[in-house]
């Protein structure tokens, strides 16, 4: 199947928002999605964007059952490693189920890797749910290392009340 990958524009935010929700449903976490299309526009397409995104499109003759031609995306941003320097974090890589198996996911991932190399990043990092064996296998087949297994790293998060509590501790010092 023919497809193309290109940098997302502000005009793509409605489609990106739709794909974000599809990914959240796939990950069985749709209730956690709070981001709006307006926030994506504000945060990704401003003077100092907080993320970059690429989209995968198919020709009109191959559109989805629902009529979509934007069938996948990858959203990433830059981080910094005190051990390795410039790095990139891949927040999302998603391809609609009916378009999987045609190389679109590989195309998105390799495009993100190319951008990382062009930006002189030493690492491309991402997280995958433990039950998502197809994605874990996909990344492993491309040479990714599972750091939880290899080095014992765990992903840690502060959000909601725990983030509020932590931030409020600065006022007590």
Protein backbone atom coordinates (compact mmCIF):
# COMPACT_ATOMS: atom_id res chain seq x y z
CA UNK A 1 0.00 0.00 0.00
CA UNK A 2 1.27 3.45 -0.87
CA UNK A 3 1.64 5.94 1.96
CA UNK A 4 3.55 9.10 2.71
CA UNK A 5 5.00 10.53 5.89
CA UNK A 6 5.33 14.25 6.49
CA UNK A 7 5.73 16.78 9.26
CA UNK A 8 2.42 17.60 10.88
CA UNK A 9 0.99 21.09 10.62
CA UNK A 10 -1.43 23.00 12.81
CA UNK A 11 -4.18 21.98 10.38
CA UNK A 12 -3.53 18.30 11.27
CA UNK A 13 -4.39 18.73 14.96
CA UNK A 14 -7.98 17.52 14.56
CA UNK A 15 -6.73 14.28 12.98
CA UNK A 16 -3.92 13.94 15.53
CA UNK A 17 -6.47 14.40 18.31
CA UNK A 18 -8.62 11.63 16.80
CA UNK A 19 -5.61 9.31 16.56
CA UNK A 20 -4.55 10.11 20.14
CA UNK A 21 -7.98 8.96 21.32
CA UNK A 22 -7.79 5.81 19.17
CA UNK A 23 -4.42 5.01 20.75
CA UNK A 24 -5.83 5.60 24.23
CA UNK A 25 -8.72 3.23 23.50
CA UNK A 26 -6.23 0.65 22.21
CA UNK A 27 -4.19 1.09 25.40
CA UNK A 28 -7.37 0.73 27.49
CA UNK A 29 -6.82 4.19 28.97
CA UNK A 30 -9.25 6.46 27.14
CA UNK A 31 -10.53 8.00 30.38
CA UNK A 32 -7.06 9.48 30.96
CA UNK A 33 -7.07 11.59 27.79
CA UNK A 34 -7.70 15.23 28.70
CA UNK A 35 -5.81 17.00 25.89
CA UNK A 36 -7.85 19.03 23.43
CA UNK A 37 -7.25 19.88 19.80
CA UNK A 38 -6.74 23.52 20.84
CA UNK A 39 -4.05 22.48 23.33
CA UNK A 40 -2.27 20.43 20.67
CA UNK A 41 -2.31 23.48 18.39
CA UNK A 42 -1.06 25.76 21.17
CA UNK A 43 1.68 23.43 22.42
CA UNK A 44 2.98 22.02 19.15
CA UNK A 45 2.67 24.88 16.71
CA UNK A 46 3.87 27.93 18.60
CA UNK A 47 7.14 29.88 18.68
CA UNK A 48 8.72 27.37 21.09
CA UNK A 49 6.89 24.08 20.44
CA UNK A 50 6.81 21.50 23.22
CA UNK A 51 6.60 18.60 20.77
CA UNK A 52 6.99 17.70 17.11
CA UNK A 53 4.80 15.32 15.17
CA UNK A 54 4.76 13.47 11.90
CA UNK A 55 1.73 11.94 10.22
CA UNK A 56 1.24 9.04 7.82
CA UNK A 57 -1.24 9.46 4.99
CA UNK A 58 -2.64 7.13 2.37
CA UNK A 59 -4.09 8.14 -1.00
CA UNK A 60 -7.80 8.89 -1.16
CA UNK A 61 -8.45 5.56 -2.92
CA UNK A 62 -7.07 3.73 0.15
CA UNK A 63 -8.88 5.76 2.81
CA UNK A 64 -10.24 4.02 5.89
CA UNK A 65 -13.79 2.70 6.20
CA UNK A 66 -14.64 5.95 7.99
CA UNK A 67 -13.09 8.05 5.21
CA UNK A 68 -9.78 9.00 6.87
CA UNK A 69 -6.57 9.41 4.90
CA UNK A 70 -4.42 10.29 7.94
CA UNK A 71 -3.83 6.81 9.31
CA UNK A 72 -0.95 7.15 11.74
CA UNK A 73 1.26 9.51 13.66
CA UNK A 74 4.35 9.77 15.80
CA UNK A 75 4.66 12.49 18.43
CA UNK A 76 8.05 13.17 20.03
CA UNK A 77 10.02 15.77 21.96
CA UNK A 78 13.57 16.44 23.06
CA UNK A 79 15.02 15.51 26.43
CA UNK A 80 18.48 15.67 27.87
CA UNK A 81 20.60 12.93 29.39
CA UNK A 82 23.33 13.99 31.80
CA UNK A 83 25.16 10.84 30.70
CA UNK A 84 24.66 11.01 26.93
CA UNK A 85 23.50 14.53 26.05
CA UNK A 86 20.78 15.31 23.55
CA UNK A 87 18.06 12.69 23.41
CA UNK A 88 14.58 12.24 22.04
CA UNK A 89 11.48 10.78 23.66
CA UNK A 90 8.87 9.13 21.46
CA UNK A 91 5.60 9.75 23.29
CA UNK A 92 3.29 8.08 20.76
CA UNK A 93 3.56 5.95 17.66
CA UNK A 94 0.21 4.76 16.35
CA UNK A 95 -1.15 3.27 13.15
CA UNK A 96 -4.85 2.53 12.69
CA UNK A 97 -5.44 -1.25 12.93
CA UNK A 98 -6.61 -1.67 9.32
CA UNK A 99 -3.36 -0.09 8.08
CA UNK A 100 -0.94 -2.19 10.12
CA UNK A 101 1.35 -4.62 8.35
CA UNK A 102 2.09 -2.30 5.40
CA UNK A 103 5.28 -0.74 6.77
CA UNK A 104 3.64 2.46 8.03
CA UNK A 105 4.77 1.94 11.64
CA UNK A 106 8.29 1.17 10.48
CA UNK A 107 8.20 4.26 8.29
CA UNK A 108 7.09 6.47 11.18
CA UNK A 109 9.69 5.00 13.55
CA UNK A 110 12.56 5.27 11.08
CA UNK A 111 11.57 8.86 10.25
CA UNK A 112 11.65 9.77 13.95
CA UNK A 113 15.06 8.06 14.23
CA UNK A 114 16.33 10.05 11.24
CA UNK A 115 15.19 13.31 12.87
CA UNK A 116 16.91 12.25 16.11
CA UNK A 117 20.16 11.61 14.25
CA UNK A 118 19.88 14.92 12.35
CA UNK A 119 19.43 16.71 15.71
CA UNK A 120 22.50 14.86 17.04
CA UNK A 121 20.51 12.90 19.64
CA UNK A 122 22.36 10.04 21.30
CA UNK A 123 19.17 8.21 22.29
CA UNK A 124 15.61 7.59 21.23
CA UNK A 125 13.57 6.50 24.22
CA UNK A 126 9.95 5.40 24.64
CA UNK A 127 7.67 3.46 26.96
CA UNK A 128 5.49 0.48 26.11
CA UNK A 129 2.80 -1.10 28.25
CA UNK A 130 3.87 -4.48 29.61
CA UNK A 131 0.89 -6.32 28.08
CA UNK A 132 1.48 -4.84 24.60
CA UNK A 133 3.57 -7.71 23.29
CA UNK A 134 3.12 -6.85 19.59
CA UNK A 135 4.60 -3.36 20.14
CA UNK A 136 7.36 -4.66 22.41
CA UNK A 137 8.25 -7.26 19.77
CA UNK A 138 8.14 -4.61 17.01
CA UNK A 139 10.59 -2.35 18.85
CA UNK A 140 12.82 -5.27 19.86
CA UNK A 141 12.98 -6.42 16.22
CA UNK A 142 14.29 -2.95 15.34
CA UNK A 143 17.02 -3.22 17.99
CA UNK A 144 15.42 -1.52 21.01
CA UNK A 145 16.52 -2.56 24.48
CA UNK A 146 14.05 -3.12 27.31
CA UNK A 147 15.75 -1.17 30.11
CA UNK A 148 13.41 -2.53 32.79
CA UNK A 149 14.76 -5.99 32.04
CA UNK A 150 18.32 -5.01 31.10
CA UNK A 151 19.15 -2.34 33.69
CA UNK A 152 16.24 -2.34 36.14
CA UNK A 153 14.99 1.18 35.33
CA UNK A 154 11.38 1.91 36.22
CA UNK A 155 9.23 4.71 34.84
CA UNK A 156 8.15 6.99 37.70
CA UNK A 157 5.40 9.60 37.52
CA UNK A 158 4.02 12.42 39.64
CA UNK A 159 0.61 13.74 38.59
CA UNK A 160 -2.62 15.03 40.04
CA UNK A 161 -2.56 15.35 43.82
CA UNK A 162 0.96 13.91 44.16
CA UNK A 163 2.30 16.60 41.79
CA UNK A 164 0.36 19.29 43.66
CA UNK A 165 1.68 18.05 47.01
CA UNK A 166 5.25 17.98 45.77
CA UNK A 167 5.02 21.47 44.26
CA UNK A 168 3.47 22.82 47.45
CA UNK A 169 6.45 21.61 49.47
CA UNK A 170 8.54 24.42 47.94
CA UNK A 171 6.41 26.92 49.84
CA UNK A 172 7.25 25.22 53.16
CA UNK A 173 11.02 25.57 52.76
